[in-house]
Amino acid sequence: MDRTEFLAALEKRLKPLPKEERTEALNYYSEYLEEGSVEDLGSVDEVARQILDQCAVKSLDSDKKSGSLKTLWIVILSVFAAPIALPVAVALGAVLLAVLITVFSVVLAVVISGLAVVVYGFALIYLAVTVLHVAPVNMLMTLGYAFISLGGGALILIGTFFAAKFTIRLIAMLLRKLMKRGGKA
């Protein structure tokens, strides 16, 4: 095998390397072969394996250095950001808790109002049947108010149920997004 064939075969085997490293290796062996012979180097496969091994070790060393430097910067930035980030995180947590308590309180107040309207409806039915049976017109009017009250109370309770269900799903979705974002950062 002559010098040109050796360099061509070596170039094919060094394709996985970046162009700069491949060119550097080919230039080195081209200069070497001007003074020496192909037989001194051994087989093309051995030379290519040796070059690939050296480049892999070089790459690992540079990755370790840059990785430890990144870690150091992250630690330094974390230490300096803690006095700002910790109070902000606590404040955001407090705001989130206040919003949840407010939503729960509003839902509870509407449910209690709906129940009060339903109880008022039943009280009107009792009043119409027991006390107002003497005056039928008043009894019918009171029964009408009672049924309106029962229907309104039922609508309030049903609407509150669906609104609460929607609100709980919305809050759960927002918390999931917040947790995902916290996990990625």
Protein backbone atom coordinates (compact mmCIF):
# COMPACT_ATOMS: atom_id res chain seq x y z
CA MET A 1 0.00 0.00 0.00
CA ASP A 2 1.47 3.35 -0.97
CA ARG A 3 1.22 6.71 0.77
CA THR A 4 -1.88 8.00 -1.15
CA GLU A 5 -3.87 4.81 -0.63
CA PHE A 6 -3.00 4.78 3.07
CA LEU A 7 -4.15 8.40 3.56
CA ALA A 8 -7.37 7.79 1.58
CA ALA A 9 -8.19 4.69 3.66
CA LEU A 10 -7.36 6.57 6.88
CA GLU A 11 -9.63 9.45 5.87
CA LYS A 12 -12.55 7.05 5.31
CA ARG A 13 -12.08 5.52 8.76
CA LEU A 14 -11.87 8.93 10.44
CA LYS A 15 -15.26 10.16 9.11
CA PRO A 16 -16.83 10.14 12.63
CA LEU A 17 -14.38 12.84 13.76
CA PRO A 18 -15.04 16.56 13.39
CA LYS A 19 -13.47 18.00 10.24
CA GLU A 20 -10.78 19.96 12.13
CA GLU A 21 -9.49 16.93 14.02
CA ARG A 22 -9.66 14.73 10.95
CA THR A 23 -7.69 17.28 8.88
CA GLU A 24 -5.13 17.66 11.68
CA ALA A 25 -4.58 13.90 11.89
CA LEU A 26 -4.31 13.51 8.12
CA ASN A 27 -1.80 16.36 7.90
CA TYR A 28 0.29 14.80 10.68
CA TYR A 29 0.40 11.38 8.98
CA SER A 30 1.00 12.96 5.56
CA GLU A 31 4.09 14.73 6.92
CA TYR A 32 5.18 11.56 8.71
CA LEU A 33 4.92 9.52 5.50
CA GLU A 34 7.10 12.03 3.62
CA GLU A 35 10.00 10.94 5.82
CA GLY A 36 8.97 7.37 6.77
CA SER A 37 7.25 4.44 5.16
CA VAL A 38 3.73 3.02 5.39
CA GLU A 39 5.09 -0.23 6.85
CA ASP A 40 6.45 1.66 9.90
CA LEU A 41 2.93 2.76 10.90
CA GLY A 42 1.20 -0.61 10.80
CA SER A 43 -2.29 -1.20 9.46
CA VAL A 44 -4.73 1.59 8.64
CA ASP A 45 -7.25 0.17 11.12
CA GLU A 46 -4.78 0.33 14.00
CA VAL A 47 -3.81 3.92 13.23
CA ALA A 48 -7.47 4.98 12.86
CA ARG A 49 -8.44 3.29 16.15
CA GLN A 50 -5.54 5.03 17.91
CA ILE A 51 -6.60 8.45 16.57
CA LEU A 52 -10.27 7.87 17.47
CA ASP A 53 -9.29 6.80 21.01
CA GLN A 54 -7.15 9.90 21.51
CA CYS A 55 -9.95 12.19 20.30
CA ALA A 56 -12.47 10.49 22.57
CA VAL A 57 -10.22 10.98 25.62
CA LYS A 58 -9.68 14.65 24.67
CA SER A 59 -13.44 15.15 24.35
CA LEU A 60 -14.11 13.56 27.74
CA ASP A 61 -11.53 15.77 29.43
CA SER A 62 -13.02 18.95 27.98
CA ASP A 63 -16.56 17.86 28.94
CA LYS A 64 -15.50 17.22 32.54
CA LYS A 65 -13.87 20.64 32.84
CA SER A 66 -16.83 22.53 31.39
CA GLY A 67 -19.33 20.44 33.43
CA SER A 68 -17.60 21.20 36.72
CA LEU A 69 -17.37 24.88 35.81
CA LYS A 70 -21.10 24.95 35.04
CA THR A 71 -21.84 23.29 38.38
CA LEU A 72 -19.70 25.85 40.18
CA TRP A 73 -21.54 28.72 38.49
CA ILE A 74 -24.92 27.21 39.36
CA VAL A 75 -23.90 26.91 43.02
CA ILE A 76 -22.59 30.49 43.13
CA LEU A 77 -25.73 31.88 41.47
CA SER A 78 -27.95 29.85 43.80
CA VAL A 79 -26.20 31.26 46.86
CA PHE A 80 -26.54 34.82 45.63
CA ALA A 81 -30.14 34.37 44.43
CA ALA A 82 -31.39 32.72 47.64
CA PRO A 83 -32.03 35.99 49.56
CA ILE A 84 -34.29 37.13 46.71
CA ALA A 85 -35.77 33.87 45.48
CA LEU A 86 -36.76 32.44 48.87
CA PRO A 87 -38.99 35.36 49.95
CA VAL A 88 -40.51 35.55 46.47
CA ALA A 89 -41.30 31.82 46.57
CA VAL A 90 -42.85 32.15 50.03
CA ALA A 91 -44.92 35.14 48.88
CA LEU A 92 -46.13 33.28 45.78
CA GLY A 93 -47.05 30.30 47.95
CA ALA A 94 -48.98 32.57 50.31
CA VAL A 95 -50.83 34.21 47.41
CA LEU A 96 -51.70 30.79 45.98
CA LEU A 97 -52.98 29.63 49.37
CA ALA A 98 -55.04 32.83 49.75
CA VAL A 99 -56.58 32.33 46.32
CA LEU A 100 -57.47 28.72 47.15
CA ILE A 101 -59.02 29.73 50.49
CA THR A 102 -61.00 32.52 48.79
CA VAL A 103 -62.33 30.20 46.10
CA PHE A 104 -63.29 27.60 48.72
CA SER A 105 -65.00 30.28 50.85
CA VAL A 106 -67.01 31.63 47.92
CA VAL A 107 -68.13 28.14 46.90
CA LEU A 108 -69.08 27.34 50.50
CA ALA A 109 -71.03 30.61 50.83
CA VAL A 110 -72.97 29.94 47.62
CA VAL A 111 -73.76 26.36 48.75
CA ILE A 112 -75.00 27.63 52.10
CA SER A 113 -77.11 30.26 50.33
CA GLY A 114 -78.60 27.60 48.04
CA LEU A 115 -79.41 25.40 51.03
CA ALA A 116 -80.99 28.37 52.83
CA VAL A 117 -83.23 29.06 49.82
CA VAL A 118 -84.28 25.37 49.71
CA VAL A 119 -85.00 25.35 53.48
CA TYR A 120 -86.99 28.57 53.04
CA GLY A 121 -89.03 26.85 50.32
CA PHE A 122 -89.86 23.95 52.61
CA ALA A 123 -90.74 26.41 55.39
CA LEU A 124 -93.15 28.18 53.04
CA ILE A 125 -94.79 24.86 52.13
CA TYR A 126 -95.25 24.09 55.81
CA LEU A 127 -96.66 27.57 56.41
CA ALA A 128 -99.05 27.30 53.46
CA VAL A 129 -100.37 23.90 54.50
CA THR A 130 -100.69 24.45 58.25
CA VAL A 131 -101.43 28.11 58.86
CA LEU A 132 -102.83 29.54 55.66
CA HIS A 133 -105.34 26.79 54.86
CA VAL A 134 -108.04 29.22 56.03
CA ALA A 135 -107.37 31.64 53.14
CA PRO A 136 -106.94 29.58 49.93
CA VAL A 137 -105.67 32.50 47.83
CA ASN A 138 -102.88 33.23 50.32
CA MET A 139 -102.12 29.51 50.55
CA LEU A 140 -101.75 29.19 46.74
CA MET A 141 -99.62 32.28 46.54
CA THR A 142 -97.38 31.01 49.36
CA LEU A 143 -97.13 27.60 47.69
CA GLY A 144 -96.07 29.38 44.47
CA TYR A 145 -93.36 31.23 46.35
CA ALA A 146 -92.32 27.95 47.97
CA PHE A 147 -91.93 26.17 44.63
CA ILE A 148 -90.07 29.11 43.14
CA SER A 149 -87.79 29.06 46.18
CA LEU A 150 -87.22 25.30 45.89
CA GLY A 151 -86.47 25.57 42.16
CA GLY A 152 -84.15 28.54 42.63
CA GLY A 153 -82.33 26.81 45.48
CA ALA A 154 -81.94 23.65 43.41
CA LEU A 155 -80.59 25.67 40.47
CA ILE A 156 -78.14 27.45 42.77
CA LEU A 157 -76.91 24.13 44.20
CA ILE A 158 -76.59 22.47 40.78
CA GLY A 159 -74.84 25.51 39.29
CA THR A 160 -72.49 25.68 42.26
CA PHE A 161 -71.68 21.99 41.88
CA PHE A 162 -70.69 22.41 38.22
CA ALA A 163 -68.83 25.67 38.89
CA ALA A 164 -66.92 24.05 41.77
CA LYS A 165 -66.07 21.04 39.60
CA PHE A 166 -64.77 23.35 36.83
CA THR A 167 -62.82 25.45 39.33
CA ILE A 168 -61.19 22.41 40.91
CA ARG A 169 -60.12 21.11 37.48
CA LEU A 170 -58.78 24.54 36.54
CA ILE A 171 -56.78 24.84 39.75
CA ALA A 172 -55.43 21.29 39.34
CA MET A 173 -54.38 22.07 35.74
CA LEU A 174 -52.64 25.27 36.82
CA LEU A 175 -50.84 23.48 39.64
CA ARG A 176 -49.70 20.74 37.24
CA LYS A 177 -48.33 23.34 34.84
CA LEU A 178 -46.62 25.12 37.72
CA MET A 179 -45.05 21.88 38.92
CA LYS A 180 -43.90 20.98 35.39
CA ARG A 181 -42.33 24.37 34.97
CA GLY A 182 -40.67 24.03 38.39
CA GLY A 183 -39.30 20.62 37.42
CA LYS A 184 -37.82 21.86 34.14
CA ALA A 185 -36.12 24.86 35.61
